Amino acid sequence: GYVELNRSGIDNSAGDGFTILLGLASIS
C-alpha cells in the first residue's frame, strides 16, 4: 500500500519504530 506519516511521532516501541514491506511511504 501507500502511507504518508506527517507531523507525527513514534516513541518507545518494543520492535521496530516504522516498518514497511512491499509498499510506498512518505515521512515528513
PDB file of all heavy atoms in Angstrom:
ATOM      1  N   GLY A   1       0.804  -1.211   0.000  1.00  0.00           N
ATOM      2  CA  GLY A   1       0.000   0.000   0.000  1.00  0.00           C
ATOM      3  C   GLY A   1       0.838   1.262   0.000  1.00  0.00           C
ATOM      4  O   GLY A   1       2.035   1.252  -0.277  1.00  0.00           O
ATOM      5  N   TYR A   2       0.189   2.382   0.313  1.00  0.00           N
ATOM      6  CA  TYR A   2       0.828   3.700   0.346  1.00  0.00           C
ATOM      7  C   TYR A   2       0.425   4.412   1.624  1.00  0.00           C
ATOM      8  O   TYR A   2      -0.765   4.490   1.955  1.00  0.00           O
ATOM      9  CB  TYR A   2       0.400   4.538  -0.865  1.00  0.00           C
ATOM     10  CG  TYR A   2       0.910   5.949  -0.785  1.00  0.00           C
ATOM     11  CD1 TYR A   2       2.233   6.239  -1.083  1.00  0.00           C
ATOM     12  CD2 TYR A   2       0.078   6.985  -0.388  1.00  0.00           C
ATOM     13  CE1 TYR A   2       2.717   7.535  -0.989  1.00  0.00           C
ATOM     14  CE2 TYR A   2       0.550   8.287  -0.293  1.00  0.00           C
ATOM     15  CZ  TYR A   2       1.871   8.555  -0.598  1.00  0.00           C
ATOM     16  OH  TYR A   2       2.347   9.835  -0.494  1.00  0.00           O
ATOM     17  N   VAL A   3       1.422   4.951   2.336  1.00  0.00           N
ATOM     18  CA  VAL A   3       1.167   5.634   3.606  1.00  0.00           C
ATOM     19  C   VAL A   3       1.963   6.920   3.673  1.00  0.00           C
ATOM     20  O   VAL A   3       3.139   6.955   3.307  1.00  0.00           O
ATOM     21  CB  VAL A   3       1.534   4.729   4.803  1.00  0.00           C
ATOM     22  CG1 VAL A   3       1.390   5.478   6.113  1.00  0.00           C
ATOM     23  CG2 VAL A   3       0.669   3.481   4.811  1.00  0.00           C
ATOM     24  N   GLU A   4       1.324   7.980   4.157  1.00  0.00           N
ATOM     25  CA  GLU A   4       2.008   9.235   4.478  1.00  0.00           C
ATOM     26  C   GLU A   4       1.987   9.403   5.990  1.00  0.00           C
ATOM     27  O   GLU A   4       0.934   9.263   6.617  1.00  0.00           O
ATOM     28  CB  GLU A   4       1.302  10.430   3.846  1.00  0.00           C
ATOM     29  CG  GLU A   4       1.415  10.502   2.357  1.00  0.00           C
ATOM     30  CD  GLU A   4       0.720  11.732   1.792  1.00  0.00           C
ATOM     31  OE1 GLU A   4       0.494  12.717   2.537  1.00  0.00           O
ATOM     32  OE2 GLU A   4       0.396  11.698   0.596  1.00  0.00           O
ATOM     33  N   LEU A   5       3.146   9.709   6.571  1.00  0.00           N
ATOM     34  CA  LEU A   5       3.264   9.985   8.004  1.00  0.00           C
ATOM     35  C   LEU A   5       3.757  11.420   8.128  1.00  0.00           C
ATOM     36  O   LEU A   5       4.903  11.718   7.811  1.00  0.00           O
ATOM     37  CB  LEU A   5       4.249   9.010   8.649  1.00  0.00           C
ATOM     38  CG  LEU A   5       4.457   9.127  10.155  1.00  0.00           C
ATOM     39  CD1 LEU A   5       3.182   8.739  10.900  1.00  0.00           C
ATOM     40  CD2 LEU A   5       5.621   8.257  10.598  1.00  0.00           C
ATOM     41  N   ASN A   6       2.867  12.328   8.536  1.00  0.00           N
ATOM     42  CA  ASN A   6       3.176  13.757   8.592  1.00  0.00           C
ATOM     43  C   ASN A   6       3.011  14.293  10.010  1.00  0.00           C
ATOM     44  O   ASN A   6       2.004  14.026  10.658  1.00  0.00           O
ATOM     45  CB  ASN A   6       2.234  14.539   7.670  1.00  0.00           C
ATOM     46  CG  ASN A   6       2.272  14.045   6.243  1.00  0.00           C
ATOM     47  OD1 ASN A   6       3.340  13.805   5.695  1.00  0.00           O
ATOM     48  ND2 ASN A   6       1.117  13.873   5.647  1.00  0.00           N
ATOM     49  N   ARG A   7       3.998  15.056  10.460  1.00  0.00           N
ATOM     50  CA  ARG A   7       3.943  15.714  11.768  1.00  0.00           C
ATOM     51  C   ARG A   7       3.460  14.754  12.855  1.00  0.00           C
ATOM     52  O   ARG A   7       2.550  15.058  13.621  1.00  0.00           O
ATOM     53  CB  ARG A   7       3.066  16.959  11.710  1.00  0.00           C
ATOM     54  CG  ARG A   7       3.646  18.065  10.850  1.00  0.00           C
ATOM     55  CD  ARG A   7       2.765  19.274  10.716  1.00  0.00           C
ATOM     56  NE  ARG A   7       1.473  19.016  10.119  1.00  0.00           N
ATOM     57  CZ  ARG A   7       1.253  18.841   8.818  1.00  0.00           C
ATOM     58  NH1 ARG A   7       2.253  18.872   7.983  1.00  0.00           N
ATOM     59  NH2 ARG A   7       0.038  18.636   8.362  1.00  0.00           N
ATOM     60  N   SER A   8       4.075  13.587  12.915  1.00  0.00           N
ATOM     61  CA  SER A   8       3.669  12.544  13.848  1.00  0.00           C
ATOM     62  C   SER A   8       4.880  11.989  14.570  1.00  0.00           C
ATOM     63  O   SER A   8       6.019  12.329  14.246  1.00  0.00           O
ATOM     64  CB  SER A   8       2.945  11.434  13.089  1.00  0.00           C
ATOM     65  OG  SER A   8       1.751  11.927  12.508  1.00  0.00           O
ATOM     66  N   GLY A   9       4.659  11.109  15.533  1.00  0.00           N
ATOM     67  CA  GLY A   9       5.775  10.553  16.278  1.00  0.00           C
ATOM     68  C   GLY A   9       5.524   9.142  16.755  1.00  0.00           C
ATOM     69  O   GLY A   9       4.389   8.741  17.000  1.00  0.00           O
ATOM     70  N   ILE A  10       6.621   8.399  16.851  1.00  0.00           N
ATOM     71  CA  ILE A  10       6.599   7.046  17.396  1.00  0.00           C
ATOM     72  C   ILE A  10       7.653   7.007  18.481  1.00  0.00           C
ATOM     73  O   ILE A  10       8.818   7.345  18.239  1.00  0.00           O
ATOM     74  CB  ILE A  10       6.907   6.008  16.300  1.00  0.00           C
ATOM     75  CG1 ILE A  10       5.854   6.088  15.181  1.00  0.00           C
ATOM     76  CG2 ILE A  10       6.976   4.608  16.895  1.00  0.00           C
ATOM     77  CD1 ILE A  10       6.216   5.316  13.931  1.00  0.00           C
ATOM     78  N   ASP A  11       7.260   6.619  19.688  1.00  0.00           N
ATOM     79  CA  ASP A  11       8.185   6.602  20.810  1.00  0.00           C
ATOM     80  C   ASP A  11       7.997   5.333  21.632  1.00  0.00           C
ATOM     81  O   ASP A  11       6.872   4.979  21.990  1.00  0.00           O
ATOM     82  CB  ASP A  11       7.951   7.827  21.696  1.00  0.00           C
ATOM     83  CG  ASP A  11       9.005   7.964  22.770  1.00  0.00           C
ATOM     84  OD1 ASP A  11      10.181   7.685  22.497  1.00  0.00           O
ATOM     85  OD2 ASP A  11       8.639   8.351  23.893  1.00  0.00           O
ATOM     86  N   ASN A  12       9.097   4.670  21.899  1.00  0.00           N
ATOM     87  CA  ASN A  12       9.113   3.517  22.790  1.00  0.00           C
ATOM     88  C   ASN A  12       8.296   2.336  22.267  1.00  0.00           C
ATOM     89  O   ASN A  12       7.318   1.918  22.867  1.00  0.00           O
ATOM     90  CB  ASN A  12       8.639   3.914  24.190  1.00  0.00           C
ATOM     91  CG  ASN A  12       9.067   2.911  25.227  1.00  0.00           C
ATOM     92  OD1 ASN A  12      10.076   2.231  25.064  1.00  0.00           O
ATOM     93  ND2 ASN A  12       8.298   2.810  26.292  1.00  0.00           N
ATOM     94  N   SER A  13       8.751   1.811  21.128  1.00  0.00           N
ATOM     95  CA  SER A  13       8.142   0.584  20.604  1.00  0.00           C
ATOM     96  C   SER A  13       9.068  -0.584  20.916  1.00  0.00           C
ATOM     97  O   SER A  13      10.290  -0.460  20.833  1.00  0.00           O
ATOM     98  CB  SER A  13       7.902   0.679  19.100  1.00  0.00           C
ATOM     99  OG  SER A  13       9.123   0.823  18.409  1.00  0.00           O
ATOM    100  N   ALA A  14       8.497  -1.717  21.273  1.00  0.00           N
ATOM    101  CA  ALA A  14       9.309  -2.893  21.611  1.00  0.00           C
ATOM    102  C   ALA A  14      10.036  -3.435  20.388  1.00  0.00           C
ATOM    103  O   ALA A  14      11.167  -3.902  20.482  1.00  0.00           O
ATOM    104  CB  ALA A  14       8.429  -3.976  22.219  1.00  0.00           C
ATOM    105  N   GLY A  15       9.403  -3.375  19.233  1.00  0.00           N
ATOM    106  CA  GLY A  15      10.015  -3.834  17.990  1.00  0.00           C
ATOM    107  C   GLY A  15      10.594  -2.655  17.235  1.00  0.00           C
ATOM    108  O   GLY A  15      11.232  -1.774  17.807  1.00  0.00           O
ATOM    109  N   ASP A  16      10.359  -2.613  15.916  1.00  0.00           N
ATOM    110  CA  ASP A  16      10.807  -1.500  15.080  1.00  0.00           C
ATOM    111  C   ASP A  16       9.878  -0.306  15.262  1.00  0.00           C
ATOM    112  O   ASP A  16       8.697  -0.469  15.566  1.00  0.00           O
ATOM    113  CB  ASP A  16      10.796  -1.914  13.601  1.00  0.00           C
ATOM    114  CG  ASP A  16      11.716  -3.089  13.324  1.00  0.00           C
ATOM    115  OD1 ASP A  16      12.804  -3.145  13.927  1.00  0.00           O
ATOM    116  OD2 ASP A  16      11.346  -3.943  12.496  1.00  0.00           O
ATOM    117  N   GLY A  17      10.413   0.871  15.040  1.00  0.00           N
ATOM    118  CA  GLY A  17       9.563   2.059  15.106  1.00  0.00           C
ATOM    119  C   GLY A  17       8.598   2.112  13.933  1.00  0.00           C
ATOM    120  O   GLY A  17       7.404   2.247  14.093  1.00  0.00           O
ATOM    121  N   PHE A  18       9.147   1.968  12.720  1.00  0.00           N
ATOM    122  CA  PHE A  18       8.371   2.091  11.486  1.00  0.00           C
ATOM    123  C   PHE A  18       8.871   1.016  10.539  1.00  0.00           C
ATOM    124  O   PHE A  18      10.050   0.994  10.198  1.00  0.00           O
ATOM    125  CB  PHE A  18       8.630   3.484  10.905  1.00  0.00           C
ATOM    126  CG  PHE A  18       7.941   3.778   9.602  1.00  0.00           C
ATOM    127  CD1 PHE A  18       6.803   4.549   9.577  1.00  0.00           C
ATOM    128  CD2 PHE A  18       8.452   3.315   8.394  1.00  0.00           C
ATOM    129  CE1 PHE A  18       6.179   4.857   8.376  1.00  0.00           C
ATOM    130  CE2 PHE A  18       7.832   3.610   7.196  1.00  0.00           C
ATOM    131  CZ  PHE A  18       6.685   4.390   7.187  1.00  0.00           C
ATOM    132  N   THR A  19       8.004   0.097  10.123  1.00  0.00           N
ATOM    133  CA  THR A  19       8.377  -0.978   9.205  1.00  0.00           C
ATOM    134  C   THR A  19       7.480  -0.931   7.986  1.00  0.00           C
ATOM    135  O   THR A  19       6.254  -0.867   8.126  1.00  0.00           O
ATOM    136  CB  THR A  19       8.206  -2.364   9.866  1.00  0.00           C
ATOM    137  OG1 THR A  19       9.044  -2.440  11.004  1.00  0.00           O
ATOM    138  CG2 THR A  19       8.581  -3.477   8.912  1.00  0.00           C
ATOM    139  N   ILE A  20       8.095  -0.954   6.791  1.00  0.00           N
ATOM    140  CA  ILE A  20       7.301  -1.033   5.564  1.00  0.00           C
ATOM    141  C   ILE A  20       7.872  -2.118   4.676  1.00  0.00           C
ATOM    142  O   ILE A  20       9.067  -2.154   4.393  1.00  0.00           O
ATOM    143  CB  ILE A  20       7.212   0.319   4.820  1.00  0.00           C
ATOM    144  CG1 ILE A  20       6.372   0.155   3.542  1.00  0.00           C
ATOM    145  CG2 ILE A  20       8.579   0.892   4.552  1.00  0.00           C
ATOM    146  CD1 ILE A  20       5.956   1.448   2.896  1.00  0.00           C
ATOM    147  N   LEU A  21       6.995  -3.043   4.263  1.00  0.00           N
ATOM    148  CA  LEU A  21       7.346  -4.130   3.361  1.00  0.00           C
ATOM    149  C   LEU A  21       6.458  -4.032   2.123  1.00  0.00           C
ATOM    150  O   LEU A  21       5.235  -3.984   2.241  1.00  0.00           O
ATOM    151  CB  LEU A  21       7.136  -5.483   4.027  1.00  0.00           C
ATOM    152  CG  LEU A  21       7.839  -5.702   5.369  1.00  0.00           C
ATOM    153  CD1 LEU A  21       7.375  -6.998   6.005  1.00  0.00           C
ATOM    154  CD2 LEU A  21       9.336  -5.696   5.181  1.00  0.00           C
ATOM    155  N   LEU A  22       7.073  -3.988   0.946  1.00  0.00           N
ATOM    156  CA  LEU A  22       6.338  -4.023  -0.321  1.00  0.00           C
ATOM    157  C   LEU A  22       5.332  -2.892  -0.468  1.00  0.00           C
ATOM    158  O   LEU A  22       4.172  -3.110  -0.790  1.00  0.00           O
ATOM    159  CB  LEU A  22       5.635  -5.372  -0.498  1.00  0.00           C
ATOM    160  CG  LEU A  22       6.516  -6.599  -0.356  1.00  0.00           C
ATOM    161  CD1 LEU A  22       5.668  -7.865  -0.367  1.00  0.00           C
ATOM    162  CD2 LEU A  22       7.583  -6.639  -1.436  1.00  0.00           C
ATOM    163  N   GLY A  23       5.757  -1.664  -0.250  1.00  0.00           N
ATOM    164  CA  GLY A  23       4.843  -0.541  -0.404  1.00  0.00           C
ATOM    165  C   GLY A  23       5.577   0.758  -0.667  1.00  0.00           C
ATOM    166  O   GLY A  23       6.775   0.777  -0.942  1.00  0.00           O
ATOM    167  N   LEU A  24       4.848   1.846  -0.566  1.00  0.00           N
ATOM    168  CA  LEU A  24       5.382   3.194  -0.722  1.00  0.00           C
ATOM    169  C   LEU A  24       5.025   3.995   0.521  1.00  0.00           C
ATOM    170  O   LEU A  24       3.928   3.853   1.055  1.00  0.00           O
ATOM    171  CB  LEU A  24       4.766   3.890  -1.937  1.00  0.00           C
ATOM    172  CG  LEU A  24       5.009   3.256  -3.304  1.00  0.00           C
ATOM    173  CD1 LEU A  24       4.124   3.922  -4.341  1.00  0.00           C
ATOM    174  CD2 LEU A  24       6.469   3.397  -3.684  1.00  0.00           C
ATOM    175  N   ALA A  25       5.934   4.848   0.956  1.00  0.00           N
ATOM    176  CA  ALA A  25       5.649   5.686   2.121  1.00  0.00           C
ATOM    177  C   ALA A  25       6.343   7.027   1.994  1.00  0.00           C
ATOM    178  O   ALA A  25       7.387   7.140   1.350  1.00  0.00           O
ATOM    179  CB  ALA A  25       6.094   4.992   3.403  1.00  0.00           C
ATOM    180  N   SER A  26       5.759   8.016   2.620  1.00  0.00           N
ATOM    181  CA  SER A  26       6.341   9.342   2.723  1.00  0.00           C
ATOM    182  C   SER A  26       6.341   9.713   4.205  1.00  0.00           C
ATOM    183  O   SER A  26       5.307   9.625   4.865  1.00  0.00           O
ATOM    184  CB  SER A  26       5.496  10.345   1.932  1.00  0.00           C
ATOM    185  OG  SER A  26       5.924  11.665   2.197  1.00  0.00           O
ATOM    186  N   ILE A  27       7.497  10.106   4.716  1.00  0.00           N
ATOM    187  CA  ILE A  27       7.613  10.512   6.117  1.00  0.00           C
ATOM    188  C   ILE A  27       8.115  11.953   6.131  1.00  0.00           C
ATOM    189  O   ILE A  27       9.179  12.239   5.570  1.00  0.00           O
ATOM    190  CB  ILE A  27       8.606   9.630   6.888  1.00  0.00           C
ATOM    191  CG1 ILE A  27       8.246   8.150   6.769  1.00  0.00           C
ATOM    192  CG2 ILE A  27       8.673  10.048   8.349  1.00  0.00           C
ATOM    193  CD1 ILE A  27       9.308   7.219   7.336  1.00  0.00           C
ATOM    194  N   SER A  28       7.359  12.862   6.766  1.00  0.00           N
ATOM    195  CA  SER A  28       7.812  14.239   6.852  1.00  0.00           C
ATOM    196  C   SER A  28       7.515  14.821   8.233  1.00  0.00           C
ATOM    197  O   SER A  28       6.494  14.513   8.839  1.00  0.00           O
ATOM    198  CB  SER A  28       7.157  15.098   5.770  1.00  0.00           C
ATOM    199  OG  SER A  28       5.780  15.220   5.995  1.00  0.00           O
TER     200      SER A  28
END
